[in-house]
Amino acid sequence: MTELKNLAAVALRYPENSVAPMIAAKERGFLAKRMIEIAEENDIPVVEDDILENILSIQDVGQCVPEETWFAVAGIFAFIKTLESNKCH
């Protein structure tokens, strides 16, 4: 039960005209587990990064990700883009 209590999830989106990705949703515990399940059920990539999650989870939903996380977030988006490209081939 402690493991579920400590689980956290942050969903990002990158609107076309935005200067940076935004926090789309964030949850802890059971709801975080459910967010991850829904993402997996819909073939939305899930990336585990505890440090980045700790930083992003203190931001408000709707906020752009902090500038100090841009490099890490860009790496995740690049990884997802590679995954999507590989699915097409």
PDB file of N, CA and C in Angstrom:
ATOM      1  N   MET A   1       0.817  -1.192   0.000  1.00  0.00           N
ATOM      2  CA  MET A   1       0.000   0.000   0.000  1.00  0.00           C
ATOM      3  C   MET A   1       0.864   1.260   0.000  1.00  0.00           C
ATOM      4  N   THR A   2       2.009   1.222   0.720  1.00  0.00           N
ATOM      5  CA  THR A   2       2.905   2.374   0.761  1.00  0.00           C
ATOM      6  C   THR A   2       3.410   2.713  -0.632  1.00  0.00           C
ATOM      7  N   GLU A   3       3.688   1.657  -1.428  1.00  0.00           N
ATOM      8  CA  GLU A   3       4.164   1.872  -2.794  1.00  0.00           C
ATOM      9  C   GLU A   3       3.145   2.674  -3.603  1.00  0.00           C
ATOM     10  N   LEU A   4       1.882   2.331  -3.507  1.00  0.00           N
ATOM     11  CA  LEU A   4       0.829   3.051  -4.228  1.00  0.00           C
ATOM     12  C   LEU A   4       0.688   4.469  -3.690  1.00  0.00           C
ATOM     13  N   LYS A   5       0.816   4.630  -2.381  1.00  0.00           N
ATOM     14  CA  LYS A   5       0.690   5.954  -1.764  1.00  0.00           C
ATOM     15  C   LYS A   5       1.776   6.901  -2.281  1.00  0.00           C
ATOM     16  N   ASN A   6       2.974   6.373  -2.556  1.00  0.00           N
ATOM     17  CA  ASN A   6       4.095   7.188  -3.016  1.00  0.00           C
ATOM     18  C   ASN A   6       4.132   7.372  -4.528  1.00  0.00           C
ATOM     19  N   LEU A   7       3.265   6.681  -5.250  1.00  0.00           N
ATOM     20  CA  LEU A   7       3.248   6.779  -6.708  1.00  0.00           C
ATOM     21  C   LEU A   7       2.733   8.150  -7.141  1.00  0.00           C
ATOM     22  N   ALA A   8       3.383   8.727  -8.139  1.00  0.00           N
ATOM     23  CA  ALA A   8       2.952  10.015  -8.680  1.00  0.00           C
ATOM     24  C   ALA A   8       3.053   9.961 -10.189  1.00  0.00           C
ATOM     25  N   ALA A   9       2.210  10.725 -10.863  1.00  0.00           N
ATOM     26  CA  ALA A   9       2.233  10.793 -12.323  1.00  0.00           C
ATOM     27  C   ALA A   9       1.959  12.224 -12.755  1.00  0.00           C
ATOM     28  N   VAL A  10       2.677  12.635 -13.796  1.00  0.00           N
ATOM     29  CA  VAL A  10       2.490  13.967 -14.382  1.00  0.00           C
ATOM     30  C   VAL A  10       2.342  13.772 -15.882  1.00  0.00           C
ATOM     31  N   ALA A  11       1.279  14.313 -16.445  1.00  0.00           N
ATOM     32  CA  ALA A  11       1.057  14.249 -17.892  1.00  0.00           C
ATOM     33  C   ALA A  11       1.425  15.591 -18.503  1.00  0.00           C
ATOM     34  N   LEU A  12       2.124  15.536 -19.634  1.00  0.00           N
ATOM     35  CA  LEU A  12       2.533  16.744 -20.331  1.00  0.00           C
ATOM     36  C   LEU A  12       1.840  16.846 -21.674  1.00  0.00           C
ATOM     37  N   ARG A  13       1.686  18.061 -22.137  1.00  0.00           N
ATOM     38  CA  ARG A  13       1.215  18.305 -23.505  1.00  0.00           C
ATOM     39  C   ARG A  13       2.026  19.473 -24.039  1.00  0.00           C
ATOM     40  N   TYR A  14       2.126  19.536 -25.350  1.00  0.00           N
ATOM     41  CA  TYR A  14       2.923  20.590 -25.964  1.00  0.00           C
ATOM     42  C   TYR A  14       2.068  21.253 -27.034  1.00  0.00           C
ATOM     43  N   PRO A  15       1.235  22.219 -26.627  1.00  0.00           N
ATOM     44  CA  PRO A  15       0.394  22.908 -27.596  1.00  0.00           C
ATOM     45  C   PRO A  15       1.241  23.549 -28.695  1.00  0.00           C
ATOM     46  N   GLU A  16       0.700  23.579 -29.881  1.00  0.00           N
ATOM     47  CA  GLU A  16       1.433  24.038 -31.058  1.00  0.00           C
ATOM     48  C   GLU A  16       2.080  25.410 -30.895  1.00  0.00           C
ATOM     49  N   ASN A  17       1.405  26.364 -30.331  1.00  0.00           N
ATOM     50  CA  ASN A  17       1.942  27.727 -30.233  1.00  0.00           C
ATOM     51  C   ASN A  17       2.568  28.054 -28.881  1.00  0.00           C
ATOM     52  N   SER A  18       2.777  27.039 -28.070  1.00  0.00           N
ATOM     53  CA  SER A  18       3.333  27.250 -26.739  1.00  0.00           C
ATOM     54  C   SER A  18       4.862  27.329 -26.799  1.00  0.00           C
ATOM     55  N   VAL A  19       5.455  28.111 -25.899  1.00  0.00           N
ATOM     56  CA  VAL A  19       6.909  28.217 -25.842  1.00  0.00           C
ATOM     57  C   VAL A  19       7.540  26.999 -25.181  1.00  0.00           C
ATOM     58  N   ALA A  20       6.749  26.249 -24.437  1.00  0.00           N
ATOM     59  CA  ALA A  20       7.255  25.066 -23.730  1.00  0.00           C
ATOM     60  C   ALA A  20       6.092  24.110 -23.458  1.00  0.00           C
ATOM     61  N   PRO A  21       6.426  22.843 -23.192  1.00  0.00           N
ATOM     62  CA  PRO A  21       5.377  21.906 -22.795  1.00  0.00           C
ATOM     63  C   PRO A  21       4.681  22.376 -21.521  1.00  0.00           C
ATOM     64  N   MET A  22       3.468  21.900 -21.332  1.00  0.00           N
ATOM     65  CA  MET A  22       2.662  22.303 -20.180  1.00  0.00           C
ATOM     66  C   MET A  22       2.266  21.092 -19.352  1.00  0.00           C
ATOM     67  N   ILE A  23       1.997  21.337 -18.095  1.00  0.00           N
ATOM     68  CA  ILE A  23       1.477  20.297 -17.211  1.00  0.00           C
ATOM     69  C   ILE A  23       0.003  20.119 -17.552  1.00  0.00           C
ATOM     70  N   ALA A  24      -0.360  18.950 -18.066  1.00  0.00           N
ATOM     71  CA  ALA A  24      -1.747  18.691 -18.451  1.00  0.00           C
ATOM     72  C   ALA A  24      -2.551  18.086 -17.304  1.00  0.00           C
ATOM     73  N   ALA A  25      -1.879  17.274 -16.486  1.00  0.00           N
ATOM     74  CA  ALA A  25      -2.543  16.634 -15.347  1.00  0.00           C
ATOM     75  C   ALA A  25      -1.468  16.124 -14.403  1.00  0.00           C
ATOM     76  N   LYS A  26      -1.840  15.965 -13.159  1.00  0.00           N
ATOM     77  CA  LYS A  26      -0.927  15.373 -12.183  1.00  0.00           C
ATOM     78  C   LYS A  26      -1.757  14.746 -11.074  1.00  0.00           C
ATOM     79  N   GLU A  27      -1.288  13.622 -10.598  1.00  0.00           N
ATOM     80  CA  GLU A  27      -2.012  12.925  -9.532  1.00  0.00           C
ATOM     81  C   GLU A  27      -1.034  12.136  -8.681  1.00  0.00           C
ATOM     82  N   ARG A  28      -1.506  11.685  -7.532  1.00  0.00           N
ATOM     83  CA  ARG A  28      -0.736  10.828  -6.621  1.00  0.00           C
ATOM     84  C   ARG A  28      -1.591   9.629  -6.236  1.00  0.00           C
ATOM     85  N   GLY A  29      -0.918   8.583  -5.804  1.00  0.00           N
ATOM     86  CA  GLY A  29      -1.593   7.407  -5.289  1.00  0.00           C
ATOM     87  C   GLY A  29      -2.397   6.669  -6.341  1.00  0.00           C
ATOM     88  N   PHE A  30      -3.609   6.256  -5.957  1.00  0.00           N
ATOM     89  CA  PHE A  30      -4.464   5.467  -6.843  1.00  0.00           C
ATOM     90  C   PHE A  30      -4.739   6.197  -8.155  1.00  0.00           C
ATOM     91  N   LEU A  31      -4.991   7.500  -8.097  1.00  0.00           N
ATOM     92  CA  LEU A  31      -5.297   8.248  -9.322  1.00  0.00           C
ATOM     93  C   LEU A  31      -4.081   8.319 -10.249  1.00  0.00           C
ATOM     94  N   ALA A  32      -2.872   8.363  -9.691  1.00  0.00           N
ATOM     95  CA  ALA A  32      -1.664   8.312 -10.519  1.00  0.00           C
ATOM     96  C   ALA A  32      -1.574   6.955 -11.214  1.00  0.00           C
ATOM     97  N   LYS A  33      -1.860   5.906 -10.480  1.00  0.00           N
ATOM     98  CA  LYS A  33      -1.864   4.556 -11.063  1.00  0.00           C
ATOM     99  C   LYS A  33      -2.876   4.485 -12.194  1.00  0.00           C
ATOM    100  N   ARG A  34      -4.026   5.054 -11.983  1.00  0.00           N
ATOM    101  CA  ARG A  34      -5.080   5.042 -13.010  1.00  0.00           C
ATOM    102  C   ARG A  34      -4.673   5.870 -14.228  1.00  0.00           C
ATOM    103  N   MET A  35      -4.010   7.015 -14.015  1.00  0.00           N
ATOM    104  CA  MET A  35      -3.508   7.811 -15.142  1.00  0.00           C
ATOM    105  C   MET A  35      -2.560   6.983 -16.001  1.00  0.00           C
ATOM    106  N   ILE A  36      -1.660   6.260 -15.358  1.00  0.00           N
ATOM    107  CA  ILE A  36      -0.690   5.424 -16.074  1.00  0.00           C
ATOM    108  C   ILE A  36      -1.409   4.310 -16.827  1.00  0.00           C
ATOM    109  N   GLU A  37      -2.374   3.681 -16.194  1.00  0.00           N
ATOM    110  CA  GLU A  37      -3.140   2.621 -16.868  1.00  0.00           C
ATOM    111  C   GLU A  37      -3.864   3.147 -18.104  1.00  0.00           C
ATOM    112  N   ILE A  38      -4.498   4.295 -17.971  1.00  0.00           N
ATOM    113  CA  ILE A  38      -5.228   4.892 -19.104  1.00  0.00           C
ATOM    114  C   ILE A  38      -4.259   5.230 -20.234  1.00  0.00           C
ATOM    115  N   ALA A  39      -3.104   5.778 -19.895  1.00  0.00           N
ATOM    116  CA  ALA A  39      -2.093   6.084 -20.914  1.00  0.00           C
ATOM    117  C   ALA A  39      -1.680   4.809 -21.641  1.00  0.00           C
ATOM    118  N   GLU A  40      -1.383   3.759 -20.897  1.00  0.00           N
ATOM    119  CA  GLU A  40      -0.954   2.502 -21.508  1.00  0.00           C
ATOM    120  C   GLU A  40      -2.062   1.882 -22.360  1.00  0.00           C
ATOM    121  N   GLU A  41      -3.297   1.948 -21.888  1.00  0.00           N
ATOM    122  CA  GLU A  41      -4.431   1.419 -22.652  1.00  0.00           C
ATOM    123  C   GLU A  41      -4.610   2.150 -23.979  1.00  0.00           C
ATOM    124  N   ASN A  42      -4.162   3.406 -24.036  1.00  0.00           N
ATOM    125  CA  ASN A  42      -4.323   4.229 -25.233  1.00  0.00           C
ATOM    126  C   ASN A  42      -3.013   4.422 -26.004  1.00  0.00           C
ATOM    127  N   ASP A  43      -2.044   3.547 -25.739  1.00  0.00           N
ATOM    128  CA  ASP A  43      -0.736   3.583 -26.408  1.00  0.00           C
ATOM    129  C   ASP A  43      -0.040   4.938 -26.284  1.00  0.00           C
ATOM    130  N   ILE A  44      -0.229   5.588 -25.164  1.00  0.00           N
ATOM    131  CA  ILE A  44       0.476   6.829 -24.870  1.00  0.00           C
ATOM    132  C   ILE A  44       1.726   6.437 -24.091  1.00  0.00           C
ATOM    133  N   PRO A  45       2.898   6.832 -24.592  1.00  0.00           N
ATOM    134  CA  PRO A  45       4.134   6.428 -23.910  1.00  0.00           C
ATOM    135  C   PRO A  45       4.186   6.935 -22.467  1.00  0.00           C
ATOM    136  N   VAL A  46       4.719   6.085 -21.607  1.00  0.00           N
ATOM    137  CA  VAL A  46       4.917   6.417 -20.198  1.00  0.00           C
ATOM    138  C   VAL A  46       6.416   6.331 -19.941  1.00  0.00           C
ATOM    139  N   VAL A  47       6.984   7.414 -19.426  1.00  0.00           N
ATOM    140  CA  VAL A  47       8.409   7.470 -19.127  1.00  0.00           C
ATOM    141  C   VAL A  47       8.556   7.673 -17.631  1.00  0.00           C
ATOM    142  N   GLU A  48       9.417   6.879 -17.015  1.00  0.00           N
ATOM    143  CA  GLU A  48       9.628   6.988 -15.569  1.00  0.00           C
ATOM    144  C   GLU A  48      10.890   7.795 -15.294  1.00  0.00           C
ATOM    145  N   ASP A  49      10.738   8.893 -14.583  1.00  0.00           N
ATOM    146  CA  ASP A  49      11.868   9.745 -14.203  1.00  0.00           C
ATOM    147  C   ASP A  49      11.504  10.396 -12.872  1.00  0.00           C
ATOM    148  N   ASP A  50      11.968   9.794 -11.795  1.00  0.00           N
ATOM    149  CA  ASP A  50      11.582  10.242 -10.455  1.00  0.00           C
ATOM    150  C   ASP A  50      11.990  11.684 -10.160  1.00  0.00           C
ATOM    151  N   ILE A  51      13.177  12.070 -10.588  1.00  0.00           N
ATOM    152  CA  ILE A  51      13.647  13.436 -10.306  1.00  0.00           C
ATOM    153  C   ILE A  51      12.774  14.449 -11.037  1.00  0.00           C
ATOM    154  N   LEU A  52      12.540  14.197 -12.325  1.00  0.00           N
ATOM    155  CA  LEU A  52      11.704  15.120 -13.100  1.00  0.00           C
ATOM    156  C   LEU A  52      10.280  15.151 -12.548  1.00  0.00           C
ATOM    157  N   GLU A  53       9.775  14.002 -12.166  1.00  0.00           N
ATOM    158  CA  GLU A  53       8.423  13.955 -11.573  1.00  0.00           C
ATOM    159  C   GLU A  53       8.354  14.797 -10.311  1.00  0.00           C
ATOM    160  N   ASN A  54       9.386  14.728  -9.485  1.00  0.00           N
ATOM    161  CA  ASN A  54       9.404  15.521  -8.253  1.00  0.00           C
ATOM    162  C   ASN A  54       9.336  17.012  -8.549  1.00  0.00           C
ATOM    163  N   ILE A  55      10.035  17.440  -9.581  1.00  0.00           N
ATOM    164  CA  ILE A  55      10.039  18.862  -9.946  1.00  0.00           C
ATOM    165  C   ILE A  55       8.705  19.271 -10.557  1.00  0.00           C
ATOM    166  N   LEU A  56       8.214  18.449 -11.501  1.00  0.00           N
ATOM    167  CA  LEU A  56       6.994  18.814 -12.216  1.00  0.00           C
ATOM    168  C   LEU A  56       5.739  18.709 -11.349  1.00  0.00           C
ATOM    169  N   SER A  57       5.752  17.810 -10.381  1.00  0.00           N
ATOM    170  CA  SER A  57       4.549  17.609  -9.570  1.00  0.00           C
ATOM    171  C   SER A  57       4.250  18.773  -8.635  1.00  0.00           C
ATOM    172  N   ILE A  58       5.226  19.644  -8.414  1.00  0.00           N
ATOM    173  CA  ILE A  58       4.946  20.814  -7.560  1.00  0.00           C
ATOM    174  C   ILE A  58       4.455  22.009  -8.378  1.00  0.00           C
ATOM    175  N   GLN A  59       4.413  21.851  -9.701  1.00  0.00           N
ATOM    176  CA  GLN A  59       3.895  22.898 -10.583  1.00  0.00           C
ATOM    177  C   GLN A  59       2.370  22.780 -10.650  1.00  0.00           C
ATOM    178  N   ASP A  60       1.730  23.834 -11.076  1.00  0.00           N
ATOM    179  CA  ASP A  60       0.276  23.818 -11.228  1.00  0.00           C
ATOM    180  C   ASP A  60      -0.110  23.282 -12.602  1.00  0.00           C
ATOM    181  N   VAL A  61      -1.235  22.601 -12.665  1.00  0.00           N
ATOM    182  CA  VAL A  61      -1.782  22.159 -13.945  1.00  0.00           C
ATOM    183  C   VAL A  61      -2.032  23.401 -14.795  1.00  0.00           C
ATOM    184  N   GLY A  62      -1.619  23.352 -16.056  1.00  0.00           N
ATOM    185  CA  GLY A  62      -1.769  24.480 -16.958  1.00  0.00           C
ATOM    186  C   GLY A  62      -0.516  25.328 -17.077  1.00  0.00           C
ATOM    187  N   GLN A  63       0.436  25.154 -16.158  1.00  0.00           N
ATOM    188  CA  GLN A  63       1.687  25.902 -16.207  1.00  0.00           C
ATOM    189  C   GLN A  63       2.639  25.271 -17.211  1.00  0.00           C
ATOM    190  N   CYS A  64       3.493  26.091 -17.827  1.00  0.00           N
ATOM    191  CA  CYS A  64       4.589  25.568 -18.634  1.00  0.00           C
ATOM    192  C   CYS A  64       5.588  24.889 -17.694  1.00  0.00           C
ATOM    193  N   VAL A  65       6.273  23.872 -18.194  1.00  0.00           N
ATOM    194  CA  VAL A  65       7.293  23.227 -17.375  1.00  0.00           C
ATOM    195  C   VAL A  65       8.402  24.245 -17.112  1.00  0.00           C
ATOM    196  N   PRO A  66       9.044  24.191 -15.951  1.00  0.00           N
ATOM    197  CA  PRO A  66      10.088  25.170 -15.626  1.00  0.00           C
ATOM    198  C   PRO A  66      11.261  25.072 -16.609  1.00  0.00           C
ATOM    199  N   GLU A  67      11.863  26.208 -16.881  1.00  0.00           N
ATOM    200  CA  GLU A  67      12.963  26.269 -17.845  1.00  0.00           C
ATOM    201  C   GLU A  67      14.100  25.315 -17.490  1.00  0.00           C
ATOM    202  N   GLU A  68      14.369  25.114 -16.218  1.00  0.00           N
ATOM    203  CA  GLU A  68      15.459  24.220 -15.818  1.00  0.00           C
ATOM    204  C   GLU A  68      15.185  22.750 -16.154  1.00  0.00           C
ATOM    205  N   THR A  69      13.965  22.430 -16.538  1.00  0.00           N
ATOM    206  CA  THR A  69      13.642  21.052 -16.922  1.00  0.00           C
ATOM    207  C   THR A  69      13.559  20.868 -18.436  1.00  0.00           C
ATOM    208  N   TRP A  70      13.727  21.926 -19.203  1.00  0.00           N
ATOM    209  CA  TRP A  70      13.537  21.850 -20.652  1.00  0.00           C
ATOM    210  C   TRP A  70      14.404  20.784 -21.295  1.00  0.00           C
ATOM    211  N   PHE A  71      15.669  20.673 -20.905  1.00  0.00           N
ATOM    212  CA  PHE A  71      16.561  19.690 -21.518  1.00  0.00           C
ATOM    213  C   PHE A  71      16.051  18.272 -21.268  1.00  0.00           C
ATOM    214  N   ALA A  72      15.675  17.972 -20.028  1.00  0.00           N
ATOM    215  CA  ALA A  72      15.174  16.638 -19.691  1.00  0.00           C
ATOM    216  C   ALA A  72      13.854  16.345 -20.406  1.00  0.00           C
ATOM    217  N   VAL A  73      12.969  17.328 -20.436  1.00  0.00           N
ATOM    218  CA  VAL A  73      11.670  17.154 -21.099  1.00  0.00           C
ATOM    219  C   VAL A  73      11.867  16.990 -22.606  1.00  0.00           C
ATOM    220  N   ALA A  74      12.796  17.754 -23.187  1.00  0.00           N
ATOM    221  CA  ALA A  74      13.086  17.622 -24.620  1.00  0.00           C
ATOM    222  C   ALA A  74      13.582  16.217 -24.929  1.00  0.00           C
ATOM    223  N   GLY A  75      14.386  15.658 -24.053  1.00  0.00           N
ATOM    224  CA  GLY A  75      14.861  14.286 -24.229  1.00  0.00           C
ATOM    225  C   GLY A  75      13.717  13.282 -24.235  1.00  0.00           C
ATOM    226  N   ILE A  76      12.744  13.503 -23.384  1.00  0.00           N
ATOM    227  CA  ILE A  76      11.578  12.615 -23.331  1.00  0.00           C
ATOM    228  C   ILE A  76      10.756  12.746 -24.607  1.00  0.00           C
ATOM    229  N   PHE A  77      10.517  13.989 -25.050  1.00  0.00           N
ATOM    230  CA  PHE A  77       9.760  14.174 -26.291  1.00  0.00           C
ATOM    231  C   PHE A  77      10.505  13.590 -27.491  1.00  0.00           C
ATOM    232  N   ALA A  78      11.829  13.692 -27.509  1.00  0.00           N
ATOM    233  CA  ALA A  78      12.627  13.102 -28.593  1.00  0.00           C
ATOM    234  C   ALA A  78      12.511  11.580 -28.560  1.00  0.00           C
ATOM    235  N   PHE A  79      12.556  11.006 -27.366  1.00  0.00           N
ATOM    236  CA  PHE A  79      12.400   9.561 -27.208  1.00  0.00           C
ATOM    237  C   PHE A  79      11.029   9.110 -27.720  1.00  0.00           C
ATOM    238  N   ILE A  80       9.987   9.836 -27.376  1.00  0.00           N
ATOM    239  CA  ILE A  80       8.633   9.501 -27.818  1.00  0.00           C
ATOM    240  C   ILE A  80       8.531   9.616 -29.335  1.00  0.00           C
ATOM    241  N   LYS A  81       9.128  10.654 -29.904  1.00  0.00           N
ATOM    242  CA  LYS A  81       9.123  10.835 -31.361  1.00  0.00           C
ATOM    243  C   LYS A  81       9.803   9.649 -32.053  1.00  0.00           C
ATOM    244  N   THR A  82      10.906   9.179 -31.492  1.00  0.00           N
ATOM    245  CA  THR A  82      11.604   8.012 -32.038  1.00  0.00           C
ATOM    246  C   THR A  82      10.716   6.781 -31.969  1.00  0.00           C
ATOM    247  N   LEU A  83      10.044   6.586 -30.839  1.00  0.00           N
ATOM    248  CA  LEU A  83       9.125   5.454 -30.702  1.00  0.00           C
ATOM    249  C   LEU A  83       8.029   5.502 -31.766  1.00  0.00           C
ATOM    250  N   GLU A  84       7.461   6.685 -31.954  1.00  0.00           N
ATOM    251  CA  GLU A  84       6.385   6.848 -32.934  1.00  0.00           C
ATOM    252  C   GLU A  84       6.885   6.625 -34.356  1.00  0.00           C
ATOM    253  N   SER A  85       8.093   7.093 -34.652  1.00  0.00           N
ATOM    254  CA  SER A  85       8.686   6.878 -35.981  1.00  0.00           C
ATOM    255  C   SER A  85       8.924   5.401 -36.238  1.00  0.00           C
ATOM    256  N   ASN A  86       9.364   4.687 -35.228  1.00  0.00           N
ATOM    257  CA  ASN A  86       9.624   3.254 -35.371  1.00  0.00           C
ATOM    258  C   ASN A  86       8.342   2.460 -35.592  1.00  0.00           C
ATOM    259  N   LYS A  87       7.235   2.932 -35.020  1.00  0.00           N
ATOM    260  CA  LYS A  87       5.942   2.257 -35.216  1.00  0.00           C
ATOM    261  C   LYS A  87       5.470   2.369 -36.660  1.00  0.00           C
ATOM    262  N   CYS A  88       5.817   3.465 -37.316  1.00  0.00           N
ATOM    263  CA  CYS A  88       5.370   3.717 -38.698  1.00  0.00           C
ATOM    264  C   CYS A  88       6.162   2.884 -39.693  1.00  0.00           C
ATOM    265  N   HIS A  89       7.324   2.389 -39.326  1.00  0.00           N
ATOM    266  CA  HIS A  89       8.177   1.653 -40.264  1.00  0.00           C
ATOM    267  C   HIS A  89       8.090   0.179 -40.100  1.00  0.00           C
TER     268      HIS A  89
END
